[in-house]
Amino acid sequence: MAVENITKQETGGQRITKRDLLTKVWWGLGIVALIEFLGMGVVFLRPRKPRVKRGAFGEIVVAGAIDQFQPNTVTAFRNGQFYLARLEDGGFLAISRKCTHLGCTVLWASEENRFKCPCHASTFDITGNVVAPPAPRALDLYPVFIENSIVKVDTSKPEKRRRFEESQVKYNPD
C-alpha cells in the first residue's frame, strides 16, 4: 500500500499499479539496451584509422644503404618482420620470418648459414629454399626496391613461392 501511495502522489493523483511501473521500467531498460547495441554496431562497422608506425610491418621499410650490408649476410628487421639477405653475388632478398609449415618464427643461425624453425625443425638456406622438411615450400618474399643506393622493402605484399629462382633477386641498378 505504501508503494501505491507514493506513486499516486508522484503522478498527480493518477493511480499506477506495480505492473504498470514494472512495465515502464522494462521498456526503459530495453530502450537503453537497444541504444547501446546500436552504438556498438556503429563502432564496429566504422573504419579504423591506421595506427602503423613509420617503417613498421605493412608498409615500405627503408632498410638502409647498400654499403651497410656485406655479401653473404642476413640482417633481421624485427619491426618489418623480415630478414634482408645479401647473397654472395651482391643481390638482395627480403625473406619472411614466418615458416611455411605452421607459421612459427624462423631464426637465422649464422654459424650454419641457415634459417631454422624452432617448432618442427624445418631448415632453409640463405635464399629461403627448404633444406630439411616438414616445410612444404620456400619462405615467402617481400618485394625489394633499390633507389639511389638505398634498399627498401614493401612488407604489405608477401609473395608466396615454391622455390628460389634467380629472377627473385634484386640487384643495384647503378
N, C-alpha and C. Protein backbone atom coordinates (compact mmCIF):
# COMPACT_ATOMS: atom_id res chain seq x y z
N MET A 1 0.82 -1.19 0.00
CA MET A 1 0.00 0.00 0.00
C MET A 1 0.86 1.25 0.00
N ALA A 2 2.03 1.19 0.64
CA ALA A 2 2.89 2.36 0.72
C ALA A 2 3.42 2.72 -0.66
N VAL A 3 3.75 1.72 -1.47
CA VAL A 3 4.24 1.99 -2.81
C VAL A 3 3.15 2.62 -3.65
N GLU A 4 1.95 2.17 -3.49
CA GLU A 4 0.84 2.73 -4.26
C GLU A 4 0.59 4.19 -3.88
N ASN A 5 0.73 4.53 -2.61
CA ASN A 5 0.55 5.91 -2.18
C ASN A 5 1.62 6.82 -2.76
N ILE A 6 2.87 6.36 -2.77
CA ILE A 6 3.97 7.17 -3.31
C ILE A 6 3.74 7.40 -4.79
N THR A 7 3.40 6.37 -5.50
CA THR A 7 3.20 6.54 -6.94
C THR A 7 1.99 7.41 -7.21
N LYS A 8 1.00 7.37 -6.35
CA LYS A 8 -0.19 8.20 -6.52
C LYS A 8 0.18 9.68 -6.39
N GLN A 9 1.05 9.98 -5.42
CA GLN A 9 1.45 11.37 -5.20
C GLN A 9 2.33 11.87 -6.35
N GLU A 10 3.26 11.04 -6.85
CA GLU A 10 4.18 11.45 -7.90
C GLU A 10 3.49 11.63 -9.25
N THR A 11 2.42 10.95 -9.48
CA THR A 11 1.75 11.01 -10.78
C THR A 11 0.58 12.00 -10.80
N GLY A 12 0.48 12.79 -9.83
CA GLY A 12 -0.56 13.82 -9.83
C GLY A 12 -1.94 13.27 -9.55
N GLY A 13 -2.02 12.25 -8.72
CA GLY A 13 -3.31 11.74 -8.35
C GLY A 13 -3.75 10.54 -9.15
N GLN A 14 -3.11 10.23 -10.26
CA GLN A 14 -3.49 9.04 -11.02
C GLN A 14 -2.89 7.82 -10.36
N ARG A 15 -3.61 6.75 -10.39
CA ARG A 15 -3.15 5.54 -9.74
C ARG A 15 -2.37 4.68 -10.74
N ILE A 16 -1.15 4.28 -10.33
CA ILE A 16 -0.31 3.41 -11.15
C ILE A 16 -0.12 2.12 -10.38
N THR A 17 -0.33 1.02 -11.06
CA THR A 17 -0.15 -0.27 -10.40
C THR A 17 1.31 -0.67 -10.48
N LYS A 18 1.64 -1.68 -9.68
CA LYS A 18 3.02 -2.19 -9.71
C LYS A 18 3.34 -2.76 -11.09
N ARG A 19 2.38 -3.40 -11.69
CA ARG A 19 2.58 -3.98 -13.02
C ARG A 19 2.90 -2.89 -14.04
N ASP A 20 2.16 -1.76 -14.00
CA ASP A 20 2.43 -0.65 -14.92
C ASP A 20 3.82 -0.07 -14.69
N LEU A 21 4.18 0.06 -13.41
CA LEU A 21 5.51 0.60 -13.08
C LEU A 21 6.61 -0.31 -13.62
N LEU A 22 6.49 -1.62 -13.37
CA LEU A 22 7.50 -2.57 -13.87
C LEU A 22 7.53 -2.60 -15.39
N THR A 23 6.40 -2.49 -16.04
CA THR A 23 6.35 -2.46 -17.50
C THR A 23 7.12 -1.27 -18.04
N LYS A 24 6.92 -0.10 -17.42
CA LYS A 24 7.63 1.11 -17.86
C LYS A 24 9.13 0.98 -17.61
N VAL A 25 9.52 0.40 -16.47
CA VAL A 25 10.95 0.20 -16.18
C VAL A 25 11.56 -0.74 -17.22
N TRP A 26 10.90 -1.86 -17.53
CA TRP A 26 11.41 -2.80 -18.52
C TRP A 26 11.49 -2.16 -19.91
N TRP A 27 10.52 -1.37 -20.29
CA TRP A 27 10.57 -0.66 -21.57
C TRP A 27 11.77 0.30 -21.59
N GLY A 28 11.98 1.01 -20.50
CA GLY A 28 13.12 1.93 -20.41
C GLY A 28 14.45 1.20 -20.53
N LEU A 29 14.58 0.08 -19.80
CA LEU A 29 15.81 -0.70 -19.88
C LEU A 29 16.00 -1.28 -21.29
N GLY A 30 14.93 -1.70 -21.93
CA GLY A 30 15.01 -2.21 -23.30
C GLY A 30 15.49 -1.14 -24.27
N ILE A 31 14.99 0.08 -24.11
CA ILE A 31 15.42 1.18 -24.99
C ILE A 31 16.90 1.49 -24.76
N VAL A 32 17.34 1.50 -23.49
CA VAL A 32 18.75 1.75 -23.19
C VAL A 32 19.62 0.64 -23.81
N ALA A 33 19.20 -0.61 -23.69
CA ALA A 33 19.96 -1.72 -24.27
C ALA A 33 20.01 -1.61 -25.79
N LEU A 34 18.91 -1.21 -26.42
CA LEU A 34 18.88 -1.04 -27.87
C LEU A 34 19.84 0.06 -28.31
N ILE A 35 19.87 1.16 -27.57
CA ILE A 35 20.78 2.27 -27.90
C ILE A 35 22.23 1.80 -27.76
N GLU A 36 22.54 1.05 -26.71
CA GLU A 36 23.90 0.53 -26.54
C GLU A 36 24.26 -0.43 -27.68
N PHE A 37 23.34 -1.30 -28.05
CA PHE A 37 23.58 -2.25 -29.13
C PHE A 37 23.85 -1.53 -30.45
N LEU A 38 23.04 -0.53 -30.76
CA LEU A 38 23.24 0.24 -32.00
C LEU A 38 24.57 0.99 -31.97
N GLY A 39 24.91 1.54 -30.79
CA GLY A 39 26.19 2.24 -30.66
C GLY A 39 27.37 1.32 -30.90
N MET A 40 27.30 0.10 -30.36
CA MET A 40 28.38 -0.86 -30.58
C MET A 40 28.46 -1.27 -32.05
N GLY A 41 27.30 -1.38 -32.71
CA GLY A 41 27.30 -1.70 -34.14
C GLY A 41 27.98 -0.63 -34.96
N VAL A 42 27.71 0.63 -34.62
CA VAL A 42 28.34 1.75 -35.34
C VAL A 42 29.84 1.73 -35.11
N VAL A 43 30.27 1.52 -33.88
CA VAL A 43 31.71 1.48 -33.57
C VAL A 43 32.38 0.31 -34.30
N PHE A 44 31.71 -0.82 -34.35
CA PHE A 44 32.27 -2.00 -35.00
C PHE A 44 32.40 -1.81 -36.51
N LEU A 45 31.42 -1.19 -37.14
CA LEU A 45 31.41 -1.04 -38.59
C LEU A 45 32.20 0.16 -39.10
N ARG A 46 32.50 1.10 -38.25
CA ARG A 46 33.23 2.30 -38.66
C ARG A 46 34.68 1.93 -38.99
N PRO A 47 35.21 2.40 -40.11
CA PRO A 47 36.60 2.08 -40.45
C PRO A 47 37.57 2.70 -39.44
N ARG A 48 38.59 1.92 -39.07
CA ARG A 48 39.58 2.42 -38.12
C ARG A 48 40.65 3.21 -38.85
N LYS A 49 41.23 4.13 -38.14
CA LYS A 49 42.38 4.85 -38.68
C LYS A 49 43.60 3.95 -38.54
N PRO A 50 44.43 3.88 -39.56
CA PRO A 50 45.62 3.02 -39.44
C PRO A 50 46.56 3.55 -38.37
N ARG A 51 47.07 2.64 -37.56
CA ARG A 51 47.99 3.01 -36.49
C ARG A 51 49.36 2.38 -36.72
N VAL A 52 49.81 2.40 -37.94
CA VAL A 52 51.08 1.78 -38.28
C VAL A 52 52.19 2.81 -38.11
N LYS A 53 53.22 2.41 -37.36
CA LYS A 53 54.36 3.29 -37.17
C LYS A 53 55.19 3.31 -38.45
N ARG A 54 55.87 4.38 -38.68
CA ARG A 54 56.72 4.52 -39.86
C ARG A 54 57.78 3.43 -39.85
N GLY A 55 57.91 2.74 -40.95
CA GLY A 55 58.92 1.69 -41.06
C GLY A 55 58.51 0.39 -40.40
N ALA A 56 57.23 0.22 -40.13
CA ALA A 56 56.76 -0.99 -39.48
C ALA A 56 56.16 -1.94 -40.50
N PHE A 57 55.80 -3.12 -40.02
CA PHE A 57 55.22 -4.14 -40.88
C PHE A 57 53.94 -3.62 -41.54
N GLY A 58 53.79 -3.90 -42.83
CA GLY A 58 52.61 -3.48 -43.56
C GLY A 58 52.82 -2.26 -44.42
N GLU A 59 54.01 -1.71 -44.44
CA GLU A 59 54.31 -0.57 -45.31
C GLU A 59 55.75 -0.70 -45.82
N ILE A 60 56.22 0.31 -46.50
CA ILE A 60 57.57 0.26 -47.05
C ILE A 60 58.58 0.57 -45.94
N VAL A 61 59.52 -0.35 -45.76
CA VAL A 61 60.55 -0.21 -44.73
C VAL A 61 61.85 0.16 -45.43
N VAL A 62 62.48 1.24 -44.99
CA VAL A 62 63.78 1.64 -45.51
C VAL A 62 64.83 0.86 -44.73
N ALA A 63 65.47 -0.08 -45.41
CA ALA A 63 66.45 -0.95 -44.75
C ALA A 63 67.78 -0.25 -44.52
N GLY A 64 68.20 0.56 -45.50
CA GLY A 64 69.46 1.29 -45.36
C GLY A 64 70.24 1.29 -46.66
N ALA A 65 71.43 1.87 -46.59
CA ALA A 65 72.29 1.97 -47.77
C ALA A 65 72.86 0.59 -48.12
N ILE A 66 73.10 0.39 -49.39
CA ILE A 66 73.63 -0.89 -49.88
C ILE A 66 74.93 -1.24 -49.19
N ASP A 67 75.77 -0.24 -48.93
CA ASP A 67 77.09 -0.48 -48.32
C ASP A 67 77.00 -1.03 -46.90
N GLN A 68 75.86 -0.89 -46.23
CA GLN A 68 75.68 -1.40 -44.87
C GLN A 68 75.65 -2.93 -44.82
N PHE A 69 75.33 -3.55 -45.93
CA PHE A 69 75.11 -4.99 -45.95
C PHE A 69 76.24 -5.69 -46.69
N GLN A 70 76.98 -6.52 -45.98
CA GLN A 70 78.09 -7.27 -46.57
C GLN A 70 77.53 -8.47 -47.34
N PRO A 71 78.21 -8.87 -48.42
CA PRO A 71 77.76 -10.05 -49.15
C PRO A 71 77.75 -11.31 -48.26
N ASN A 72 76.79 -12.19 -48.53
CA ASN A 72 76.61 -13.45 -47.82
C ASN A 72 76.27 -13.25 -46.33
N THR A 73 75.44 -12.22 -46.05
CA THR A 73 74.99 -11.96 -44.68
C THR A 73 73.47 -11.82 -44.66
N VAL A 74 72.91 -11.96 -43.46
CA VAL A 74 71.48 -11.80 -43.25
C VAL A 74 71.28 -10.83 -42.09
N THR A 75 70.40 -9.85 -42.30
CA THR A 75 70.09 -8.86 -41.28
C THR A 75 68.61 -8.96 -40.91
N ALA A 76 68.33 -9.04 -39.62
CA ALA A 76 66.95 -9.14 -39.15
C ALA A 76 66.34 -7.75 -38.98
N PHE A 77 65.09 -7.60 -39.42
CA PHE A 77 64.30 -6.39 -39.23
C PHE A 77 63.05 -6.80 -38.45
N ARG A 78 63.11 -6.62 -37.13
CA ARG A 78 62.01 -7.10 -36.28
C ARG A 78 60.72 -6.34 -36.51
N ASN A 79 60.78 -5.00 -36.65
CA ASN A 79 59.56 -4.23 -36.89
C ASN A 79 58.93 -4.60 -38.22
N GLY A 80 59.77 -4.85 -39.21
CA GLY A 80 59.27 -5.21 -40.53
C GLY A 80 58.94 -6.68 -40.67
N GLN A 81 59.34 -7.49 -39.69
CA GLN A 81 59.09 -8.92 -39.66
C GLN A 81 59.67 -9.65 -40.87
N PHE A 82 60.90 -9.29 -41.22
CA PHE A 82 61.57 -9.97 -42.33
C PHE A 82 63.07 -9.99 -42.09
N TYR A 83 63.75 -10.80 -42.88
CA TYR A 83 65.21 -10.83 -42.92
C TYR A 83 65.63 -10.29 -44.28
N LEU A 84 66.66 -9.46 -44.29
CA LEU A 84 67.22 -8.99 -45.56
C LEU A 84 68.50 -9.76 -45.79
N ALA A 85 68.50 -10.60 -46.83
CA ALA A 85 69.66 -11.43 -47.15
C ALA A 85 70.40 -10.79 -48.32
N ARG A 86 71.69 -10.59 -48.14
CA ARG A 86 72.53 -10.16 -49.26
C ARG A 86 73.35 -11.37 -49.68
N LEU A 87 73.12 -11.80 -50.90
CA LEU A 87 73.75 -13.01 -51.40
C LEU A 87 75.21 -12.73 -51.78
N GLU A 88 75.95 -13.80 -52.06
CA GLU A 88 77.37 -13.66 -52.40
C GLU A 88 77.60 -12.78 -53.62
N ASP A 89 76.67 -12.83 -54.59
CA ASP A 89 76.84 -12.04 -55.81
C ASP A 89 76.36 -10.59 -55.65
N GLY A 90 75.94 -10.19 -54.44
CA GLY A 90 75.53 -8.80 -54.19
C GLY A 90 74.04 -8.55 -54.30
N GLY A 91 73.26 -9.54 -54.68
CA GLY A 91 71.82 -9.39 -54.80
C GLY A 91 71.12 -9.44 -53.45
N PHE A 92 69.88 -8.90 -53.40
CA PHE A 92 69.12 -8.83 -52.16
C PHE A 92 67.83 -9.63 -52.25
N LEU A 93 67.45 -10.25 -51.11
CA LEU A 93 66.16 -10.91 -50.94
C LEU A 93 65.61 -10.49 -49.58
N ALA A 94 64.34 -10.11 -49.54
CA ALA A 94 63.67 -9.83 -48.27
C ALA A 94 62.81 -11.05 -47.95
N ILE A 95 63.22 -11.80 -46.96
CA ILE A 95 62.62 -13.10 -46.65
C ILE A 95 61.74 -12.99 -45.41
N SER A 96 60.53 -13.53 -45.51
CA SER A 96 59.59 -13.52 -44.39
C SER A 96 60.14 -14.34 -43.22
N ARG A 97 59.80 -13.92 -42.01
CA ARG A 97 60.22 -14.65 -40.81
C ARG A 97 59.27 -15.79 -40.48
N LYS A 98 58.18 -15.92 -41.22
CA LYS A 98 57.15 -16.92 -40.92
C LYS A 98 57.42 -18.22 -41.67
N CYS A 99 57.52 -19.31 -40.93
CA CYS A 99 57.74 -20.63 -41.53
C CYS A 99 56.51 -21.02 -42.34
N THR A 100 56.73 -21.64 -43.47
CA THR A 100 55.63 -22.04 -44.35
C THR A 100 54.97 -23.34 -43.90
N HIS A 101 55.46 -23.93 -42.83
CA HIS A 101 54.83 -25.15 -42.32
C HIS A 101 53.63 -24.80 -41.44
N LEU A 102 53.87 -24.16 -40.30
CA LEU A 102 52.77 -23.78 -39.40
C LEU A 102 52.85 -22.34 -38.90
N GLY A 103 53.72 -21.54 -39.49
CA GLY A 103 53.75 -20.12 -39.18
C GLY A 103 54.63 -19.71 -38.01
N CYS A 104 55.47 -20.58 -37.53
CA CYS A 104 56.39 -20.20 -36.44
C CYS A 104 57.42 -19.21 -36.98
N THR A 105 58.06 -18.48 -36.09
CA THR A 105 59.09 -17.53 -36.50
C THR A 105 60.42 -18.26 -36.68
N VAL A 106 60.95 -18.20 -37.88
CA VAL A 106 62.25 -18.84 -38.15
C VAL A 106 63.37 -17.96 -37.61
N LEU A 107 64.45 -18.60 -37.25
CA LEU A 107 65.61 -17.90 -36.71
C LEU A 107 66.80 -18.10 -37.65
N TRP A 108 67.65 -17.08 -37.76
CA TRP A 108 68.84 -17.18 -38.60
C TRP A 108 69.98 -17.71 -37.75
N ALA A 109 70.56 -18.83 -38.16
CA ALA A 109 71.72 -19.42 -37.49
C ALA A 109 72.94 -19.09 -38.35
N SER A 110 73.63 -18.00 -38.00
CA SER A 110 74.73 -17.52 -38.84
C SER A 110 75.89 -18.51 -38.91
N GLU A 111 76.15 -19.27 -37.83
CA GLU A 111 77.26 -20.22 -37.85
C GLU A 111 77.01 -21.36 -38.84
N GLU A 112 75.73 -21.67 -39.11
CA GLU A 112 75.40 -22.73 -40.06
C GLU A 112 74.94 -22.17 -41.41
N ASN A 113 74.79 -20.85 -41.47
CA ASN A 113 74.33 -20.18 -42.68
C ASN A 113 72.96 -20.72 -43.13
N ARG A 114 72.05 -20.88 -42.16
CA ARG A 114 70.71 -21.45 -42.39
C ARG A 114 69.66 -20.75 -41.54
N PHE A 115 68.42 -20.79 -42.05
CA PHE A 115 67.25 -20.41 -41.25
C PHE A 115 66.72 -21.68 -40.62
N LYS A 116 66.37 -21.60 -39.33
CA LYS A 116 65.85 -22.78 -38.64
C LYS A 116 64.52 -22.44 -37.98
N CYS A 117 63.58 -23.36 -38.11
CA CYS A 117 62.29 -23.23 -37.43
C CYS A 117 62.39 -23.97 -36.11
N PRO A 118 62.20 -23.29 -34.98
CA PRO A 118 62.33 -23.94 -33.68
C PRO A 118 61.17 -24.88 -33.34
N CYS A 119 60.06 -24.77 -34.05
CA CYS A 119 58.88 -25.58 -33.72
C CYS A 119 58.97 -27.00 -34.24
N HIS A 120 59.30 -27.17 -35.53
CA HIS A 120 59.27 -28.50 -36.13
C HIS A 120 60.53 -28.82 -36.92
N ALA A 121 61.59 -28.05 -36.70
CA ALA A 121 62.93 -28.33 -37.24
C ALA A 121 63.05 -28.20 -38.75
N SER A 122 62.18 -27.43 -39.40
CA SER A 122 62.40 -27.15 -40.82
C SER A 122 63.66 -26.30 -40.93
N THR A 123 64.39 -26.49 -42.01
CA THR A 123 65.62 -25.74 -42.24
C THR A 123 65.57 -25.17 -43.66
N PHE A 124 66.06 -23.91 -43.79
CA PHE A 124 66.05 -23.20 -45.07
C PHE A 124 67.44 -22.63 -45.31
N ASP A 125 67.85 -22.55 -46.58
CA ASP A 125 69.14 -21.93 -46.89
C ASP A 125 68.99 -20.41 -46.94
N ILE A 126 70.05 -19.70 -47.29
CA ILE A 126 70.05 -18.23 -47.28
C ILE A 126 69.06 -17.63 -48.27
N THR A 127 68.66 -18.38 -49.28
CA THR A 127 67.67 -17.89 -50.25
C THR A 127 66.24 -18.23 -49.82
N GLY A 128 66.08 -18.98 -48.73
CA GLY A 128 64.76 -19.35 -48.24
C GLY A 128 64.26 -20.68 -48.75
N ASN A 129 65.08 -21.39 -49.53
CA ASN A 129 64.70 -22.72 -50.04
C ASN A 129 64.69 -23.75 -48.90
N VAL A 130 63.78 -24.71 -48.98
CA VAL A 130 63.70 -25.76 -47.97
C VAL A 130 64.90 -26.69 -48.12
N VAL A 131 65.64 -26.87 -47.02
CA VAL A 131 66.75 -27.81 -46.99
C VAL A 131 66.30 -29.09 -46.28
N ALA A 132 65.53 -28.92 -45.18
CA ALA A 132 65.01 -30.07 -44.44
C ALA A 132 63.54 -29.83 -44.11
N PRO A 133 62.63 -30.74 -44.55
CA PRO A 133 61.20 -30.58 -44.29
C PRO A 133 60.91 -30.68 -42.79
N PRO A 134 59.70 -30.41 -42.34
CA PRO A 134 58.41 -30.61 -42.97
C PRO A 134 57.84 -29.41 -43.72
N ALA A 135 58.53 -28.29 -43.78
CA ALA A 135 58.00 -27.14 -44.53
C ALA A 135 57.76 -27.55 -45.98
N PRO A 136 56.58 -27.21 -46.53
CA PRO A 136 56.23 -27.67 -47.88
C PRO A 136 56.83 -26.84 -49.01
N ARG A 137 57.26 -25.61 -48.70
CA ARG A 137 57.76 -24.74 -49.77
C ARG A 137 58.72 -23.72 -49.18
N ALA A 138 59.35 -22.94 -50.06
CA ALA A 138 60.31 -21.92 -49.64
C ALA A 138 59.62 -20.82 -48.84
N LEU A 139 60.42 -20.10 -48.06
CA LEU A 139 59.90 -18.96 -47.29
C LEU A 139 59.39 -17.89 -48.25
N ASP A 140 58.35 -17.16 -47.82
CA ASP A 140 57.78 -16.09 -48.64
C ASP A 140 58.77 -14.94 -48.77
N LEU A 141 58.59 -14.15 -49.82
CA LEU A 141 59.44 -12.99 -50.07
C LEU A 141 58.62 -11.71 -50.02
N TYR A 142 59.30 -10.60 -49.77
CA TYR A 142 58.71 -9.27 -49.91
C TYR A 142 59.47 -8.55 -51.03
N PRO A 143 58.77 -7.73 -51.81
CA PRO A 143 59.44 -7.01 -52.89
C PRO A 143 60.53 -6.07 -52.36
N VAL A 144 61.66 -6.07 -53.04
CA VAL A 144 62.79 -5.21 -52.68
C VAL A 144 62.94 -4.16 -53.77
N PHE A 145 63.16 -2.90 -53.36
CA PHE A 145 63.41 -1.80 -54.29
C PHE A 145 64.73 -1.15 -53.89
N ILE A 146 65.50 -0.80 -54.88
CA ILE A 146 66.75 -0.07 -54.60
C ILE A 146 66.67 1.25 -55.35
N GLU A 147 66.63 2.33 -54.57
CA GLU A 147 66.56 3.68 -55.15
C GLU A 147 67.69 4.51 -54.57
N ASN A 148 68.52 5.07 -55.43
CA ASN A 148 69.66 5.90 -55.01
C ASN A 148 70.55 5.17 -54.01
N SER A 149 70.81 3.91 -54.27
CA SER A 149 71.63 3.04 -53.43
C SER A 149 71.07 2.82 -52.02
N ILE A 150 69.76 3.01 -51.87
CA ILE A 150 69.07 2.75 -50.61
C ILE A 150 68.13 1.55 -50.83
N VAL A 151 68.22 0.56 -49.95
CA VAL A 151 67.40 -0.64 -50.06
C VAL A 151 66.08 -0.41 -49.31
N LYS A 152 64.96 -0.67 -50.00
CA LYS A 152 63.63 -0.53 -49.41
C LYS A 152 62.87 -1.82 -49.63
N VAL A 153 62.01 -2.17 -48.65
CA VAL A 153 61.24 -3.41 -48.72
C VAL A 153 59.77 -3.08 -48.49
N ASP A 154 58.91 -3.58 -49.39
CA ASP A 154 57.46 -3.38 -49.27
C ASP A 154 56.87 -4.58 -48.54
N THR A 155 56.57 -4.41 -47.24
CA THR A 155 56.07 -5.52 -46.42
C THR A 155 54.56 -5.69 -46.52
N SER A 156 53.90 -4.92 -47.37
CA SER A 156 52.44 -5.05 -47.49
C SER A 156 52.05 -6.15 -48.48
N LYS A 157 52.99 -6.64 -49.27
CA LYS A 157 52.67 -7.62 -50.31
C LYS A 157 53.59 -8.83 -50.25
N PRO A 158 53.33 -9.80 -49.38
CA PRO A 158 54.18 -11.00 -49.39
C PRO A 158 53.95 -11.82 -50.66
N GLU A 159 55.01 -12.38 -51.18
CA GLU A 159 54.93 -13.19 -52.40
C GLU A 159 55.19 -14.65 -52.04
N LYS A 160 54.19 -15.50 -52.24
CA LYS A 160 54.36 -16.93 -52.00
C LYS A 160 55.12 -17.53 -53.17
N ARG A 161 55.95 -18.52 -52.87
CA ARG A 161 56.73 -19.16 -53.93
C ARG A 161 56.98 -20.61 -53.58
N ARG A 162 57.21 -21.41 -54.58
CA ARG A 162 57.50 -22.84 -54.36
C ARG A 162 58.98 -23.04 -54.02
N ARG A 163 59.85 -22.34 -54.75
CA ARG A 163 61.30 -22.49 -54.57
C ARG A 163 62.00 -21.21 -55.01
N PHE A 164 63.26 -21.13 -54.72
CA PHE A 164 64.06 -19.97 -55.12
C PHE A 164 64.31 -20.00 -56.63
N GLU A 165 64.19 -18.81 -57.24
CA GLU A 165 64.53 -18.63 -58.64
C GLU A 165 65.40 -17.39 -58.75
N GLU A 166 66.33 -17.40 -59.67
CA GLU A 166 67.27 -16.29 -59.83
C GLU A 166 66.55 -14.97 -60.09
N SER A 167 65.39 -15.00 -60.72
CA SER A 167 64.64 -13.77 -61.04
C SER A 167 64.10 -13.07 -59.80
N GLN A 168 64.11 -13.72 -58.64
CA GLN A 168 63.60 -13.13 -57.41
C GLN A 168 64.62 -12.21 -56.74
N VAL A 169 65.86 -12.30 -57.15
CA VAL A 169 66.93 -11.50 -56.53
C VAL A 169 66.91 -10.09 -57.11
N LYS A 170 67.08 -9.10 -56.26
CA LYS A 170 67.11 -7.69 -56.69
C LYS A 170 68.55 -7.18 -56.59
N TYR A 171 69.03 -6.61 -57.71
CA TYR A 171 70.39 -6.08 -57.78
C TYR A 171 70.37 -4.57 -57.86
N ASN A 172 71.47 -3.95 -57.50
CA ASN A 172 71.61 -2.50 -57.60
C ASN A 172 71.61 -2.09 -59.08
N PRO A 173 70.69 -1.22 -59.49
CA PRO A 173 70.64 -0.82 -60.90
C PRO A 173 71.79 0.10 -61.33
N ASP A 174 72.50 0.66 -60.36
CA ASP A 174 73.59 1.61 -60.70
C ASP A 174 74.81 0.93 -61.22
